[in-house]
C-alpha atoms as a PDB file:
ATOM      1  CA  MET A   1     -19.439   3.119  -4.233  1.00  0.00           C
ATOM      2  CA  ASN A   2     -16.006   3.905  -2.550  1.00  0.00           C
ATOM      3  CA  ASP A   3     -15.640   7.018  -0.715  1.00  0.00           C
ATOM      4  CA  VAL A   4     -12.174   7.808  -0.048  1.00  0.00           C
ATOM      5  CA  SER A   5     -10.353  10.785   1.133  1.00  0.00           C
ATOM      6  CA  PHE A   6      -6.561  11.409   1.484  1.00  0.00           C
ATOM      7  CA  TYR A   7      -4.296  13.321   3.370  1.00  0.00           C
ATOM      8  CA  PHE A   8      -0.466  13.945   2.918  1.00  0.00           C
ATOM      9  CA  ASP A   9       2.157  15.611   5.068  1.00  0.00           C
ATOM     10  CA  GLY A  10       5.803  14.795   4.527  1.00  0.00           C
ATOM     11  CA  ASN A  11       6.595  11.219   4.617  1.00  0.00           C
ATOM     12  CA  ILE A  12       3.025  10.205   5.864  1.00  0.00           C
ATOM     13  CA  GLU A  13      -0.012   9.608   3.979  1.00  0.00           C
ATOM     14  CA  ILE A  14      -3.413   9.013   6.023  1.00  0.00           C
ATOM     15  CA  VAL A  15      -6.484   7.607   3.875  1.00  0.00           C
ATOM     16  CA  THR A  16      -9.999   7.375   5.237  1.00  0.00           C
ATOM     17  CA  GLY A  17     -12.794   5.364   3.216  1.00  0.00           C
ATOM     18  CA  ALA A  18     -16.044   3.798   3.515  1.00  0.00           C
ATOM     19  CA  GLY A  19     -17.761   1.589   0.988  1.00  0.00           C
ATOM     20  CA  MET A  20     -18.125  -2.164  -0.112  1.00  0.00           C
ATOM     21  CA  HIS A  21     -15.084  -2.156  -2.723  1.00  0.00           C
ATOM     22  CA  ASN A  22     -13.190  -5.769  -2.436  1.00  0.00           C
ATOM     23  CA  PHE A  23      -9.574  -4.958  -2.825  1.00  0.00           C
ATOM     24  CA  PRO A  24      -7.493  -7.784  -4.224  1.00  0.00           C
ATOM     25  CA  TYR A  25      -4.450  -8.940  -2.987  1.00  0.00           C
ATOM     26  CA  HIS A  26      -1.904  -6.614  -3.649  1.00  0.00           C
ATOM     27  CA  THR A  27       1.195  -5.026  -2.049  1.00  0.00           C
ATOM     28  CA  HIS A  28       2.697  -1.517  -0.759  1.00  0.00           C
ATOM     29  CA  ASN A  29       6.194  -0.208  -0.934  1.00  0.00           C
ATOM     30  CA  SER A  30       5.018   1.814   2.587  1.00  0.00           C
ATOM     31  CA  PHE A  31       4.613   0.235   6.046  1.00  0.00           C
ATOM     32  CA  MET A  32       1.086   0.561   6.829  1.00  0.00           C
ATOM     33  CA  ALA A  33      -1.296   0.821   9.878  1.00  0.00           C
ATOM     34  CA  GLY A  34      -4.756   0.698   9.913  1.00  0.00           C
ATOM     35  CA  ALA A  35      -8.085   0.406  11.738  1.00  0.00           C
ATOM     36  CA  VAL A  36     -11.763  -0.639  11.027  1.00  0.00           C
ATOM     37  CA  LEU A  37     -13.778   2.311  11.842  1.00  0.00           C
ATOM     38  CA  ALA A  38     -17.150   0.689  11.208  1.00  0.00           C
ATOM     39  CA  GLY A  39     -18.780  -2.487  10.020  1.00  0.00           C
ATOM     40  CA  CYS A  40     -16.513  -5.539   9.688  1.00  0.00           C
ATOM     41  CA  GLY A  41     -14.516  -7.095   6.736  1.00  0.00           C
ATOM     42  CA  GLU A  42     -12.227 -10.260   6.098  1.00  0.00           C
ATOM     43  CA  PHE A  43      -8.371  -9.183   5.659  1.00  0.00           C
ATOM     44  CA  ASP A  44      -5.786 -11.512   4.596  1.00  0.00           C
ATOM     45  CA  ILE A  45      -2.208 -10.318   5.336  1.00  0.00           C
ATOM     46  CA  GLY A  46       0.647 -12.102   4.050  1.00  0.00           C
ATOM     47  CA  GLY A  47      -1.589 -15.265   4.109  1.00  0.00           C
ATOM     48  CA  LYS A  48      -2.993 -14.796   7.503  1.00  0.00           C
ATOM     49  CA  THR A  49      -6.562 -14.361   7.544  1.00  0.00           C
ATOM     50  CA  LEU A  50      -9.244 -12.829  10.125  1.00  0.00           C
ATOM     51  CA  GLU A  51     -12.439 -11.014  10.201  1.00  0.00           C
ATOM     52  CA  LEU A  52     -11.911  -7.786  11.550  1.00  0.00           C
ATOM     53  CA  GLN A  53     -14.595  -5.455  13.372  1.00  0.00           C
ATOM     54  CA  LYS A  54     -14.989  -1.730  14.461  1.00  0.00           C
ATOM     55  CA  GLY A  55     -12.224  -0.998  16.869  1.00  0.00           C
ATOM     56  CA  ASP A  56      -9.978  -3.327  15.435  1.00  0.00           C
ATOM     57  CA  ALA A  57      -6.565  -2.643  13.927  1.00  0.00           C
ATOM     58  CA  TYR A  58      -3.689  -4.093  11.745  1.00  0.00           C
ATOM     59  CA  ILE A  59      -0.480  -3.487  10.275  1.00  0.00           C
ATOM     60  CA  VAL A  60       0.977  -4.307   6.835  1.00  0.00           C
ATOM     61  CA  PRO A  61       5.006  -4.267   6.266  1.00  0.00           C
ATOM     62  CA  SER A  62       5.968  -2.819   2.903  1.00  0.00           C
ATOM     63  CA  ASN A  63       5.724  -5.421   0.040  1.00  0.00           C
ATOM     64  CA  THR A  64       3.606  -7.850   2.362  1.00  0.00           C
ATOM     65  CA  GLY A  65       0.403  -8.874   0.292  1.00  0.00           C
ATOM     66  CA  ILE A  66      -3.295  -7.582   1.707  1.00  0.00           C
ATOM     67  CA  ALA A  67      -6.639  -8.061   0.439  1.00  0.00           C
ATOM     68  CA  ILE A  68      -9.878  -6.951   2.071  1.00  0.00           C
ATOM     69  CA  ASN A  69     -13.276  -7.976   1.551  1.00  0.00           C
ATOM     70  CA  PRO A  70     -16.048  -5.766   3.497  1.00  0.00           C
ATOM     71  CA  THR A  71     -18.783  -7.806   4.634  1.00  0.00           C
ATOM     72  CA  SER A  72     -21.186  -4.910   6.282  1.00  0.00           C
ATOM     73  CA  GLY A  73     -21.009  -0.977   6.513  1.00  0.00           C
ATOM     74  CA  PHE A  74     -17.413  -0.979   6.164  1.00  0.00           C
ATOM     75  CA  SER A  75     -15.198   2.342   6.768  1.00  0.00           C
ATOM     76  CA  TYR A  76     -11.459   2.396   7.574  1.00  0.00           C
ATOM     77  CA  ILE A  77      -8.408   4.429   8.197  1.00  0.00           C
ATOM     78  CA  THR A  78      -5.089   3.593   6.728  1.00  0.00           C
ATOM     79  CA  ILE A  79      -1.830   5.448   7.659  1.00  0.00           C
ATOM     80  CA  CYS A  80       1.496   4.571   5.232  1.00  0.00           C
ATOM     81  CA  LEU A  81       4.756   5.449   6.272  1.00  0.00           C
ATOM     82  CA  LYS A  82       6.342   6.262   3.086  1.00  0.00           C
ATOM     83  CA  ASN A  83      10.110   7.043   1.894  1.00  0.00           C
ATOM     84  CA  GLU A  84      12.430   7.429   4.343  1.00  0.00           C
ATOM     85  CA  LEU A  85      10.195   6.411   7.285  1.00  0.00           C
ATOM     86  CA  ALA A  86       9.238   2.992   5.045  1.00  0.00           C
ATOM     87  CA  GLU A  87      13.340   2.376   5.092  1.00  0.00           C
ATOM     88  CA  VAL A  88      13.644   2.762   8.865  1.00  0.00           C
ATOM     89  CA  MET A  89      10.418   0.624   9.356  1.00  0.00           C
ATOM     90  CA  LYS A  90      12.163  -2.013   7.437  1.00  0.00           C
ATOM     91  CA  GLU A  91      14.494  -2.702  10.349  1.00  0.00           C
ATOM     92  CA  TYR A  92      11.477  -3.730  12.419  1.00  0.00           C
ATOM     93  CA  LYS A  93       9.577  -6.802  12.683  1.00  0.00           C
ATOM     94  CA  THR A  94       6.564  -8.214  14.547  1.00  0.00           C
ATOM     95  CA  GLU A  95       4.981 -12.177  14.266  1.00  0.00           C
ATOM     96  CA  ARG A  96       1.561 -10.422  14.417  1.00  0.00           C
ATOM     97  CA  CYS A  97      -0.668  -8.194  12.017  1.00  0.00           C
ATOM     98  CA  PHE A  98      -3.908  -8.316  13.763  1.00  0.00           C
ATOM     99  CA  TYR A  99      -4.404  -6.342  16.733  1.00  0.00           C
ATOM    100  CA  PRO A 100      -7.955  -6.147  18.226  1.00  0.00           C
ATOM    101  CA  SER A 101      -9.048  -2.864  20.002  1.00  0.00           C
ATOM    102  CA  LEU A 102      -6.104  -0.883  19.051  1.00  0.00           C
ATOM    103  CA  GLY A 103      -8.195   1.086  16.587  1.00  0.00           C
ATOM    104  CA  ASP A 104      -9.079   4.114  18.550  1.00  0.00           C
ATOM    105  CA  ARG A 105      -5.264   4.789  19.605  1.00  0.00           C
ATOM    106  CA  LEU A 106      -4.472   4.555  16.164  1.00  0.00           C
ATOM    107  CA  LEU A 107      -7.278   7.011  15.239  1.00  0.00           C
ATOM    108  CA  GLU A 108      -6.003   9.371  18.047  1.00  0.00           C
ATOM    109  CA  LEU A 109      -2.514   8.925  16.859  1.00  0.00           C
ATOM    110  CA  ALA A 110      -3.701  10.214  13.277  1.00  0.00           C
ATOM    111  CA  SER A 111      -5.530  13.096  14.594  1.00  0.00           C
ATOM    112  CA  SER A 112      -2.533  14.285  16.581  1.00  0.00           C
ATOM    113  CA  PHE A 113      -0.320  14.222  13.423  1.00  0.00           C
ATOM    114  CA  ARG A 114      -2.870  16.063  11.401  1.00  0.00           C
ATOM    115  CA  THR A 115      -3.009  19.007  14.070  1.00  0.00           C
ATOM    116  CA  HIS A 116       0.745  19.024  14.229  1.00  0.00           C
ATOM    117  CA  ASP A 117       0.836  18.185  17.803  1.00  0.00           C
ATOM    118  CA  ILE A 118       3.248  15.572  17.176  1.00  0.00           C
ATOM    119  CA  ASP A 119       5.852  15.351  14.331  1.00  0.00           C
ATOM    120  CA  GLU A 120       7.054  12.622  11.763  1.00  0.00           C
ATOM    121  CA  ARG A 121       9.883  10.818  14.470  1.00  0.00           C
ATOM    122  CA  ALA A 122       7.676  11.145  17.324  1.00  0.00           C
ATOM    123  CA  PHE A 123       4.614   9.485  15.051  1.00  0.00           C
ATOM    124  CA  GLU A 124       6.904   6.603  13.482  1.00  0.00           C
ATOM    125  CA  MET A 125       8.301   5.944  17.390  1.00  0.00           C
ATOM    126  CA  ARG A 126       4.531   5.822  18.774  1.00  0.00           C
ATOM    127  CA  ILE A 127       3.630   3.075  15.825  1.00  0.00           C
ATOM    128  CA  ILE A 128       6.814   0.879  16.783  1.00  0.00           C
ATOM    129  CA  ASP A 129       5.584   1.194  20.435  1.00  0.00           C
ATOM    130  CA  MET A 130       1.980   0.684  19.876  1.00  0.00           C
ATOM    131  CA  PHE A 131       2.348  -2.557  17.894  1.00  0.00           C
ATOM    132  CA  GLU A 132       5.597  -3.801  19.492  1.00  0.00           C
ATOM    133  CA  LEU A 133       7.894  -3.892  16.837  1.00  0.00           C
ATOM    134  CA  TYR A 134      11.345  -5.222  17.430  1.00  0.00           C
ATOM    135  CA  LYS A 135      14.645  -4.830  15.668  1.00  0.00           C
ATOM    136  CA  ALA A 136      14.730  -7.590  12.860  1.00  0.00           C
ATOM    137  CA  SER A 137      17.957  -9.343  12.618  1.00  0.00           C
ATOM    138  CA  ASP A 138      18.059 -10.288   8.674  1.00  0.00           C
ATOM    139  CA  SER A 139      15.779 -10.306   5.586  1.00  0.00           C
ATOM    140  CA  VAL A 140      13.261 -12.849   4.750  1.00  0.00           C
ATOM    141  CA  ARG A 141      13.187 -12.135   1.080  1.00  0.00           C
ATOM    142  CA  SER A 142      15.826 -13.542  -1.521  1.00  0.00           C
ATOM    143  CA  ILE A 143      18.166 -11.158  -3.303  1.00  0.00           C
ATOM    144  CA  TYR A 144      16.463 -12.047  -6.431  1.00  0.00           C
ATOM    145  CA  THR A 145      12.863 -10.865  -5.179  1.00  0.00           C
ATOM    146  CA  GLU A 146      14.353  -7.679  -3.812  1.00  0.00           C
ATOM    147  CA  LYS A 147      16.060  -7.204  -6.703  1.00  0.00           C
ATOM    148  CA  ALA A 148      13.083  -7.870  -9.018  1.00  0.00           C
ATOM    149  CA  ALA A 149      11.131  -4.995  -6.836  1.00  0.00           C
ATOM    150  CA  ARG A 150      13.292  -2.620  -7.349  1.00  0.00           C
ATOM    151  CA  TYR A 151      13.719  -3.052 -10.777  1.00  0.00           C
ATOM    152  CA  LEU A 152       9.813  -2.731 -11.556  1.00  0.00           C
ATOM    153  CA  ASN A 153       9.503   0.141  -9.229  1.00  0.00           C
ATOM    154  CA  GLU A 154      12.286   1.785 -11.268  1.00  0.00           C
ATOM    155  CA  HIS A 155      10.696   1.006 -14.559  1.00  0.00           C
ATOM    156  CA  CYS A 156       7.091   1.343 -14.019  1.00  0.00           C
ATOM    157  CA  GLN A 157       6.767   3.622 -16.948  1.00  0.00           C
ATOM    158  CA  SER A 158       7.638   0.961 -19.444  1.00  0.00           C
ATOM    159  CA  LYS A 159       5.489  -2.234 -20.629  1.00  0.00           C
ATOM    160  CA  PHE A 160       6.213  -5.245 -18.611  1.00  0.00           C
ATOM    161  CA  SER A 161       8.517  -8.035 -19.834  1.00  0.00           C
ATOM    162  CA  LEU A 162       9.255 -11.118 -17.773  1.00  0.00           C
ATOM    163  CA  ASP A 163      12.069 -11.916 -20.015  1.00  0.00           C
ATOM    164  CA  GLU A 164      13.970  -8.467 -19.472  1.00  0.00           C
ATOM    165  CA  LEU A 165      13.272  -8.663 -15.743  1.00  0.00           C
ATOM    166  CA  ALA A 166      14.743 -12.001 -15.427  1.00  0.00           C
ATOM    167  CA  GLU A 167      17.680 -10.964 -17.662  1.00  0.00           C
ATOM    168  CA  ASN A 168      18.306  -8.095 -15.250  1.00  0.00           C
ATOM    169  CA  VAL A 169      17.811 -10.044 -12.028  1.00  0.00           C
ATOM    170  CA  CYS A 170      20.124 -12.875 -13.707  1.00  0.00           C
ATOM    171  CA  VAL A 171      17.942 -15.565 -12.716  1.00  0.00           C
ATOM    172  CA  SER A 172      15.679 -17.898 -15.049  1.00  0.00           C
ATOM    173  CA  LYS A 173      11.962 -16.389 -15.417  1.00  0.00           C
ATOM    174  CA  TYR A 174      10.717 -19.569 -14.288  1.00  0.00           C
ATOM    175  CA  HIS A 175      12.475 -19.579 -11.028  1.00  0.00           C
ATOM    176  CA  LEU A 176      11.818 -15.921 -10.915  1.00  0.00           C
ATOM    177  CA  ILE A 177       8.217 -16.212 -10.828  1.00  0.00           C
ATOM    178  CA  ARG A 178       8.170 -19.083  -8.163  1.00  0.00           C
ATOM    179  CA  THR A 179      10.099 -17.194  -5.812  1.00  0.00           C
ATOM    180  CA  PHE A 180       8.521 -13.595  -6.302  1.00  0.00           C
ATOM    181  CA  LYS A 181       4.896 -15.310  -5.887  1.00  0.00           C
ATOM    182  CA  LYS A 182       6.166 -17.412  -2.869  1.00  0.00           C
ATOM    183  CA  GLU A 183       7.467 -14.370  -1.002  1.00  0.00           C
ATOM    184  CA  MET A 184       5.448 -11.702  -2.191  1.00  0.00           C
ATOM    185  CA  GLY A 185       1.987 -13.353  -2.683  1.00  0.00           C
ATOM    186  CA  ILE A 186       1.598 -11.933  -6.157  1.00  0.00           C
ATOM    187  CA  THR A 187       3.241 -12.011  -9.662  1.00  0.00           C
ATOM    188  CA  PRO A 188       5.935  -9.872 -10.961  1.00  0.00           C
ATOM    189  CA  LYS A 189       3.268  -8.474 -13.755  1.00  0.00           C
ATOM    190  CA  GLN A 190       0.409  -8.087 -10.715  1.00  0.00           C
ATOM    191  CA  TYR A 191       3.449  -5.865  -8.617  1.00  0.00           C
ATOM    192  CA  HIS A 192       4.161  -3.878 -11.792  1.00  0.00           C
ATOM    193  CA  GLN A 193       0.659  -2.936 -12.205  1.00  0.00           C
ATOM    194  CA  GLN A 194       0.538  -1.578  -8.406  1.00  0.00           C
ATOM    195  CA  CYS A 195       4.061   0.266  -9.493  1.00  0.00           C
ATOM    196  CA  LYS A 196       2.210   1.900 -11.923  1.00  0.00           C
ATOM    197  CA  VAL A 197      -0.880   2.939  -9.690  1.00  0.00           C
ATOM    198  CA  ARG A 198       1.404   4.377  -7.420  1.00  0.00           C
ATOM    199  CA  LYS A 199       2.894   6.593 -10.010  1.00  0.00           C
ATOM    200  CA  ILE A 200      -0.453   7.611 -11.123  1.00  0.00           C
ATOM    201  CA  LYS A 201      -1.017   8.978  -7.546  1.00  0.00           C
ATOM    202  CA  ASP A 202       2.181  10.933  -7.960  1.00  0.00           C
ATOM    203  CA  MET A 203       1.303  12.258 -11.002  1.00  0.00           C
ATOM    204  CA  ALA A 204      -2.534  12.897 -10.681  1.00  0.00           C
ATOM    205  CA  LEU A 205      -2.416  16.405  -9.111  1.00  0.00           C
ATOM    206  CA  LYS A 206      -0.134  18.036 -11.595  1.00  0.00           C
ATOM    207  CA  ASN A 207      -0.918  16.263 -15.018  1.00  0.00           C
ATOM    208  CA  SER A 208      -3.786  15.287 -17.310  1.00  0.00           C
ATOM    209  CA  GLN A 209      -5.264  11.802 -17.293  1.00  0.00           C
ATOM    210  CA  SER A 210      -4.611  11.440 -20.895  1.00  0.00           C
ATOM    211  CA  ASP A 211      -0.791  12.379 -20.325  1.00  0.00           C
ATOM    212  CA  ILE A 212      -0.575  10.179 -17.370  1.00  0.00           C
ATOM    213  CA  ALA A 213      -1.805   7.429 -19.492  1.00  0.00           C
ATOM    214  CA  TYR A 214       0.643   7.911 -22.529  1.00  0.00           C
ATOM    215  CA  GLU A 215       3.543   8.455 -19.899  1.00  0.00           C
ATOM    216  CA  LEU A 216       2.997   5.045 -18.258  1.00  0.00           C
ATOM    217  CA  ASP A 217       2.073   3.299 -21.411  1.00  0.00           C
ATOM    218  CA  PHE A 218      -1.166   2.276 -20.921  1.00  0.00           C
ATOM    219  CA  THR A 219      -3.287   1.634 -23.911  1.00  0.00           C
ATOM    220  CA  SER A 220      -6.041   3.990 -22.977  1.00  0.00           C
ATOM    221  CA  GLN A 221      -7.351   6.098 -20.054  1.00  0.00           C
ATOM    222  CA  SER A 222     -10.516   3.669 -19.826  1.00  0.00           C
ATOM    223  CA  HIS A 223      -7.613   0.942 -19.361  1.00  0.00           C
ATOM    224  CA  MET A 224      -5.517   3.283 -16.755  1.00  0.00           C
ATOM    225  CA  ASN A 225      -8.811   4.055 -14.522  1.00  0.00           C
ATOM    226  CA  ASP A 226      -9.687   0.365 -14.626  1.00  0.00           C
ATOM    227  CA  ILE A 227      -6.205  -0.654 -13.039  1.00  0.00           C
ATOM    228  CA  PHE A 228      -6.551   2.041 -10.877  1.00  0.00           C
ATOM    229  CA  LYS A 229     -10.054   1.457  -9.591  1.00  0.00           C
ATOM    230  CA  LYS A 230      -9.169  -2.103  -8.875  1.00  0.00           C
ATOM    231  CA  TYR A 231      -6.400  -1.498  -6.496  1.00  0.00           C
ATOM    232  CA  MET A 232      -7.914   2.275  -5.004  1.00  0.00           C
ATOM    233  CA  GLY A 233     -11.741   1.561  -5.600  1.00  0.00           C
ATOM    234  CA  ILE A 234     -11.838   4.894  -7.050  1.00  0.00           C
ATOM    235  CA  THR A 235     -10.796   5.707 -10.864  1.00  0.00           C
ATOM    236  CA  ALA A 236      -7.747   7.774 -11.242  1.00  0.00           C
ATOM    237  CA  GLY A 237      -9.915  11.061 -12.289  1.00  0.00           C
ATOM    238  CA  SER A 238     -11.793  10.882  -8.922  1.00  0.00           C
ATOM    239  CA  TYR A 239      -8.504  10.679  -6.943  1.00  0.00           C
ATOM    240  CA  SER A 240      -7.384  14.302  -7.309  1.00  0.00           C
ATOM    241  CA  SER A 241     -10.718  15.533  -6.023  1.00  0.00           C
ATOM    242  CA  ALA A 242     -10.279  13.027  -3.083  1.00  0.00           C
ATOM    243  CA  VAL A 243      -7.088  14.603  -1.723  1.00  0.00           C
ATOM    244  CA  GLU A 244      -7.716  17.007   0.779  1.00  0.00           C
ATOM    245  CA  ASN A 245      -4.328  19.217   1.329  1.00  0.00           C
ATOM    246  CA  LYS A 246      -3.309  19.612  -2.522  1.00  0.00           C
ATOM    247  CA  GLU A 247      -0.984  22.146  -1.672  1.00  0.00           C
ATOM    248  CA  GLN A 248       1.437  19.757   0.047  1.00  0.00           C
END
């Protein structure tokens, strides 16, 4: 059982959770910063693996793979900088993804934002300073991967078709699979599933599960919930009640 709550305000999402759910290797289209609040777990971020304990922090740039395997009494906080903030954060980079002992500072920052002591811009600048990020000079991903990710995000309501994706990106499907997996850590089909999960989150507070499953072309509500739980640790049906500030 994974106990999760979600808080949204503008372009920032704060997630707190506890449980022993194993999160498979996946990506986000937002910039993420997180910390272990209790227990410990093995983290794989962009192919770098480390066991993090209470008080340790980590960051995950957008479209970078992450897997989490809790090993004991695990609870966490994750902060997602989305939309416009995510675009700004793409300009920054770091050689590190693990930051021992920064968890308390990140938790205090999240608390300050929730109580409106700081705004989005101040929050973003403190993240940049806290994790010692610097301006990136160029992109590390190929044009094929960038175009494929954009296409999959824009067509998350459709069934996945590798042939259609390769045709749109103007590259052979075999080259696309190799390049995408090498640079993103997951296959295009897995990325498409994650795009659907993000869309479910967008729709869940205002639509029925049956409508969402139909709109996103799932074979059934059960299939939709299985995919959602795989990446989120809870079902799509449980997600709505886990959101704290639905009015936003």
